[in-house]
């Protein structure tokens, strides 16, 4: 028998694909396809040192936030209220932080 997939499981699988995809993208990003040479590594595209550390912290915090929000949404009615409050705060704070970091 085929087991039904719950919405929580589906969202967790989608999150897994998103964050694993971002990790794989960071590893394979320096590879470039050239019609004449084939596949070669572009040294300018490799993340090193501080940029790699910042990207790893971003992935860690983003994945923790995503899976926490999924867990909150499906836990209790009170958890669902906390979910919407946190989501509202993120919706307001994210553009403000992006504008601040652009300067």
N, C-alpha and C. Protein backbone atom coordinates (compact mmCIF):
# COMPACT_ATOMS: atom_id res chain seq x y z
N UNK A 1 0.82 -1.18 0.00
CA UNK A 1 0.00 0.00 0.00
C UNK A 1 0.87 1.25 0.00
N UNK A 2 0.39 2.28 -0.64
CA UNK A 2 1.09 3.56 -0.69
C UNK A 2 0.61 4.41 0.47
N UNK A 3 1.56 4.87 1.27
CA UNK A 3 1.24 5.72 2.41
C UNK A 3 1.01 7.14 1.94
N UNK A 4 -0.03 7.79 2.49
CA UNK A 4 -0.30 9.18 2.12
C UNK A 4 0.78 10.09 2.69
N UNK A 5 1.13 11.08 1.90
CA UNK A 5 2.14 12.04 2.31
C UNK A 5 1.44 13.23 2.95
N UNK A 6 1.77 13.53 4.19
CA UNK A 6 1.16 14.68 4.86
C UNK A 6 1.80 15.97 4.36
N UNK A 7 1.09 17.07 4.59
CA UNK A 7 1.60 18.37 4.17
C UNK A 7 2.89 18.72 4.90
N UNK A 8 2.98 18.35 6.19
CA UNK A 8 4.19 18.62 6.96
C UNK A 8 5.38 17.86 6.36
N UNK A 9 5.18 16.60 6.01
CA UNK A 9 6.25 15.81 5.40
C UNK A 9 6.66 16.39 4.05
N UNK A 10 5.67 16.81 3.27
CA UNK A 10 5.96 17.40 1.97
C UNK A 10 6.79 18.67 2.12
N UNK A 11 6.41 19.53 3.05
CA UNK A 11 7.17 20.77 3.27
C UNK A 11 8.57 20.48 3.78
N UNK A 12 8.73 19.46 4.61
CA UNK A 12 10.07 19.10 5.08
C UNK A 12 10.92 18.56 3.93
N UNK A 13 10.33 17.77 3.03
CA UNK A 13 11.07 17.25 1.87
C UNK A 13 11.45 18.39 0.94
N UNK A 14 10.52 19.33 0.71
CA UNK A 14 10.83 20.48 -0.15
C UNK A 14 11.96 21.30 0.46
N UNK A 15 11.92 21.53 1.78
CA UNK A 15 12.99 22.27 2.46
C UNK A 15 14.32 21.56 2.34
N UNK A 16 14.29 20.24 2.46
CA UNK A 16 15.51 19.46 2.31
C UNK A 16 16.11 19.64 0.92
N UNK A 17 15.26 19.58 -0.12
CA UNK A 17 15.74 19.80 -1.48
C UNK A 17 16.29 21.22 -1.67
N UNK A 18 15.61 22.19 -1.10
CA UNK A 18 16.06 23.59 -1.24
C UNK A 18 17.44 23.78 -0.62
N UNK A 19 17.62 23.35 0.62
CA UNK A 19 18.88 23.62 1.31
C UNK A 19 20.01 22.71 0.83
N UNK A 20 19.72 21.47 0.49
CA UNK A 20 20.76 20.63 -0.11
C UNK A 20 21.16 21.17 -1.48
N UNK A 21 20.18 21.68 -2.22
CA UNK A 21 20.48 22.29 -3.52
C UNK A 21 21.37 23.51 -3.38
N UNK A 22 21.14 24.31 -2.35
CA UNK A 22 22.00 25.48 -2.13
C UNK A 22 23.41 25.06 -1.77
N UNK A 23 23.55 23.99 -0.99
CA UNK A 23 24.88 23.50 -0.62
C UNK A 23 25.59 22.95 -1.85
N UNK A 24 24.88 22.17 -2.66
CA UNK A 24 25.47 21.61 -3.88
C UNK A 24 25.83 22.73 -4.85
N UNK A 25 24.99 23.77 -4.93
CA UNK A 25 25.28 24.90 -5.81
C UNK A 25 26.59 25.59 -5.39
N UNK A 26 26.80 25.72 -4.09
CA UNK A 26 28.02 26.36 -3.60
C UNK A 26 29.26 25.55 -3.96
N UNK A 27 29.11 24.23 -3.99
CA UNK A 27 30.25 23.38 -4.32
C UNK A 27 30.52 23.36 -5.82
N UNK A 28 29.44 23.30 -6.63
CA UNK A 28 29.61 23.16 -8.08
C UNK A 28 29.61 24.48 -8.82
N UNK A 29 29.41 25.60 -8.15
CA UNK A 29 29.35 26.90 -8.82
C UNK A 29 30.61 27.23 -9.61
N UNK A 30 31.80 26.92 -9.14
CA UNK A 30 33.00 27.29 -9.89
C UNK A 30 33.19 26.51 -11.20
N UNK A 31 32.39 25.47 -11.44
CA UNK A 31 32.54 24.70 -12.67
C UNK A 31 31.81 25.39 -13.81
N UNK A 32 32.50 25.55 -14.92
CA UNK A 32 31.95 26.23 -16.08
C UNK A 32 32.09 25.32 -17.30
N UNK A 33 31.08 25.38 -18.16
CA UNK A 33 31.11 24.57 -19.38
C UNK A 33 31.50 25.46 -20.55
N UNK A 34 32.54 25.08 -21.26
CA UNK A 34 33.00 25.80 -22.44
C UNK A 34 32.90 24.84 -23.61
N UNK A 35 32.31 25.26 -24.73
CA UNK A 35 32.14 24.35 -25.87
C UNK A 35 33.45 23.79 -26.42
N UNK A 36 34.53 24.54 -26.33
CA UNK A 36 35.79 24.10 -26.91
C UNK A 36 36.61 23.24 -25.95
N UNK A 37 36.64 23.61 -24.69
CA UNK A 37 37.51 22.94 -23.73
C UNK A 37 36.77 21.86 -22.96
N UNK A 38 35.51 22.06 -22.67
CA UNK A 38 34.75 21.13 -21.85
C UNK A 38 34.43 21.77 -20.52
N UNK A 39 34.57 21.04 -19.47
CA UNK A 39 34.29 21.56 -18.13
C UNK A 39 35.60 21.99 -17.48
N UNK A 40 35.62 23.23 -17.00
CA UNK A 40 36.81 23.70 -16.29
C UNK A 40 36.38 24.51 -15.08
N UNK A 41 37.31 24.72 -14.16
CA UNK A 41 37.01 25.41 -12.92
C UNK A 41 37.44 26.87 -13.02
N UNK A 42 36.51 27.77 -12.71
CA UNK A 42 36.79 29.19 -12.73
C UNK A 42 37.25 29.59 -11.32
N UNK A 43 38.51 29.97 -11.19
CA UNK A 43 39.07 30.28 -9.87
C UNK A 43 38.46 31.53 -9.25
N UNK A 44 37.92 32.45 -10.08
CA UNK A 44 37.33 33.67 -9.55
C UNK A 44 35.99 33.40 -8.86
N UNK A 45 35.33 32.29 -9.20
CA UNK A 45 34.01 32.00 -8.64
C UNK A 45 34.05 31.16 -7.37
N UNK A 46 35.22 30.76 -6.94
CA UNK A 46 35.33 29.91 -5.75
C UNK A 46 35.19 30.77 -4.50
N UNK A 47 34.31 30.34 -3.60
CA UNK A 47 34.17 31.04 -2.32
C UNK A 47 35.25 30.55 -1.37
N UNK A 48 35.93 31.49 -0.77
CA UNK A 48 37.00 31.15 0.17
C UNK A 48 36.86 31.98 1.43
N UNK A 49 37.43 31.48 2.48
CA UNK A 49 37.56 32.23 3.72
C UNK A 49 36.27 32.77 4.29
N UNK A 50 36.20 34.09 4.41
CA UNK A 50 35.09 34.75 5.07
C UNK A 50 33.78 34.56 4.32
N UNK A 51 33.81 34.60 2.97
CA UNK A 51 32.58 34.43 2.19
C UNK A 51 31.99 33.03 2.38
N UNK A 52 32.84 32.03 2.42
CA UNK A 52 32.37 30.66 2.63
C UNK A 52 31.78 30.52 4.03
N UNK A 53 32.43 31.12 5.02
CA UNK A 53 31.94 31.09 6.39
C UNK A 53 30.57 31.79 6.49
N UNK A 54 30.44 32.96 5.86
CA UNK A 54 29.17 33.70 5.88
C UNK A 54 28.07 32.91 5.19
N UNK A 55 28.38 32.26 4.09
CA UNK A 55 27.39 31.45 3.37
C UNK A 55 26.95 30.26 4.22
N UNK A 56 27.89 29.63 4.91
CA UNK A 56 27.55 28.50 5.77
C UNK A 56 26.64 28.94 6.92
N UNK A 57 26.92 30.10 7.50
CA UNK A 57 26.08 30.64 8.58
C UNK A 57 24.69 30.96 8.03
N UNK A 58 24.63 31.54 6.84
CA UNK A 58 23.33 31.84 6.21
C UNK A 58 22.52 30.58 6.00
N UNK A 59 23.14 29.53 5.47
CA UNK A 59 22.43 28.27 5.23
C UNK A 59 21.95 27.68 6.55
N UNK A 60 22.79 27.71 7.57
CA UNK A 60 22.43 27.15 8.87
C UNK A 60 21.24 27.90 9.49
N UNK A 61 21.29 29.21 9.51
CA UNK A 61 20.21 30.00 10.10
C UNK A 61 18.93 29.88 9.28
N UNK A 62 19.05 29.91 7.95
CA UNK A 62 17.87 29.80 7.09
C UNK A 62 17.19 28.45 7.24
N UNK A 63 17.97 27.39 7.24
CA UNK A 63 17.36 26.06 7.36
C UNK A 63 16.73 25.88 8.74
N UNK A 64 17.40 26.36 9.79
CA UNK A 64 16.83 26.27 11.14
C UNK A 64 15.50 27.03 11.20
N UNK A 65 15.46 28.23 10.64
CA UNK A 65 14.24 29.04 10.65
C UNK A 65 13.13 28.35 9.86
N UNK A 66 13.45 27.82 8.69
CA UNK A 66 12.44 27.16 7.85
C UNK A 66 11.82 25.96 8.58
N UNK A 67 12.66 25.07 9.07
CA UNK A 67 12.14 23.86 9.71
C UNK A 67 11.44 24.18 11.03
N UNK A 68 11.90 25.21 11.75
CA UNK A 68 11.21 25.64 12.96
C UNK A 68 9.82 26.16 12.62
N UNK A 69 9.71 26.96 11.57
CA UNK A 69 8.40 27.50 11.18
C UNK A 69 7.46 26.39 10.72
N UNK A 70 7.96 25.41 9.99
CA UNK A 70 7.11 24.28 9.59
C UNK A 70 6.63 23.53 10.82
N UNK A 71 7.53 23.29 11.77
CA UNK A 71 7.15 22.59 13.00
C UNK A 71 6.13 23.39 13.80
N UNK A 72 6.33 24.71 13.91
CA UNK A 72 5.38 25.55 14.64
C UNK A 72 4.00 25.53 14.00
N UNK A 73 3.96 25.61 12.68
CA UNK A 73 2.68 25.68 11.97
C UNK A 73 1.83 24.44 12.23
N UNK A 74 2.46 23.28 12.27
CA UNK A 74 1.71 22.05 12.41
C UNK A 74 1.63 21.53 13.85
N UNK A 75 2.14 22.28 14.83
CA UNK A 75 2.14 21.78 16.20
C UNK A 75 0.80 22.00 16.90
N UNK A 76 0.47 23.23 17.23
CA UNK A 76 -0.76 23.54 17.97
C UNK A 76 -1.35 24.83 17.40
N UNK A 77 -2.59 25.15 17.76
CA UNK A 77 -3.14 26.45 17.33
C UNK A 77 -2.33 27.64 17.84
N UNK A 78 -1.78 27.51 19.05
CA UNK A 78 -0.92 28.59 19.58
C UNK A 78 0.37 28.68 18.76
N UNK A 79 0.90 27.53 18.37
CA UNK A 79 2.10 27.51 17.53
C UNK A 79 1.84 28.14 16.18
N UNK A 80 0.61 27.96 15.67
CA UNK A 80 0.25 28.58 14.39
C UNK A 80 0.22 30.09 14.51
N UNK A 81 -0.25 30.61 15.64
CA UNK A 81 -0.25 32.06 15.86
C UNK A 81 1.18 32.59 15.92
N UNK A 82 2.05 31.86 16.63
CA UNK A 82 3.47 32.25 16.69
C UNK A 82 4.08 32.21 15.30
N UNK A 83 3.71 31.21 14.50
CA UNK A 83 4.18 31.10 13.12
C UNK A 83 3.86 32.37 12.34
N UNK A 84 2.60 32.81 12.40
CA UNK A 84 2.20 33.99 11.63
C UNK A 84 2.85 35.26 12.16
N UNK A 85 3.08 35.34 13.46
CA UNK A 85 3.77 36.51 14.03
C UNK A 85 5.22 36.55 13.53
N UNK A 86 5.91 35.41 13.60
CA UNK A 86 7.31 35.35 13.15
C UNK A 86 7.39 35.63 11.65
N UNK A 87 6.45 35.08 10.89
CA UNK A 87 6.45 35.30 9.44
C UNK A 87 6.21 36.77 9.11
N UNK A 88 5.33 37.43 9.86
CA UNK A 88 5.07 38.86 9.67
C UNK A 88 6.31 39.70 9.99
N UNK A 89 6.98 39.35 11.08
CA UNK A 89 8.20 40.07 11.45
C UNK A 89 9.27 39.89 10.37
N UNK A 90 9.41 38.66 9.86
CA UNK A 90 10.39 38.41 8.79
C UNK A 90 10.03 39.16 7.51
N UNK A 91 8.74 39.24 7.20
CA UNK A 91 8.30 39.95 5.99
C UNK A 91 8.60 41.44 6.08
N UNK A 92 8.56 41.99 7.27
CA UNK A 92 8.87 43.41 7.45
C UNK A 92 10.37 43.64 7.56
N UNK A 93 11.06 42.76 8.29
CA UNK A 93 12.48 42.96 8.57
C UNK A 93 13.37 42.65 7.36
N UNK A 94 13.02 41.67 6.55
CA UNK A 94 13.89 41.26 5.44
C UNK A 94 14.16 42.38 4.44
N UNK A 95 13.14 43.10 3.96
CA UNK A 95 13.44 44.21 3.04
C UNK A 95 14.25 45.33 3.71
N UNK A 96 13.98 45.58 5.00
CA UNK A 96 14.73 46.62 5.70
C UNK A 96 16.19 46.25 5.82
N UNK A 97 16.47 45.00 6.12
CA UNK A 97 17.86 44.54 6.23
C UNK A 97 18.53 44.57 4.86
N UNK A 98 17.80 44.18 3.81
CA UNK A 98 18.37 44.21 2.46
C UNK A 98 18.73 45.63 2.05
N UNK A 99 17.88 46.59 2.37
CA UNK A 99 18.17 47.99 2.04
C UNK A 99 19.36 48.47 2.87
N UNK A 100 19.40 48.11 4.13
CA UNK A 100 20.50 48.53 5.01
C UNK A 100 21.84 47.95 4.52
N UNK A 101 21.84 46.68 4.13
CA UNK A 101 23.09 46.05 3.69
C UNK A 101 23.54 46.55 2.32
N UNK A 102 22.61 47.07 1.53
CA UNK A 102 22.96 47.57 0.20
C UNK A 102 23.76 48.87 0.31
N UNK A 103 23.61 49.60 1.36
CA UNK A 103 24.30 50.89 1.51
C UNK A 103 25.73 50.73 1.90
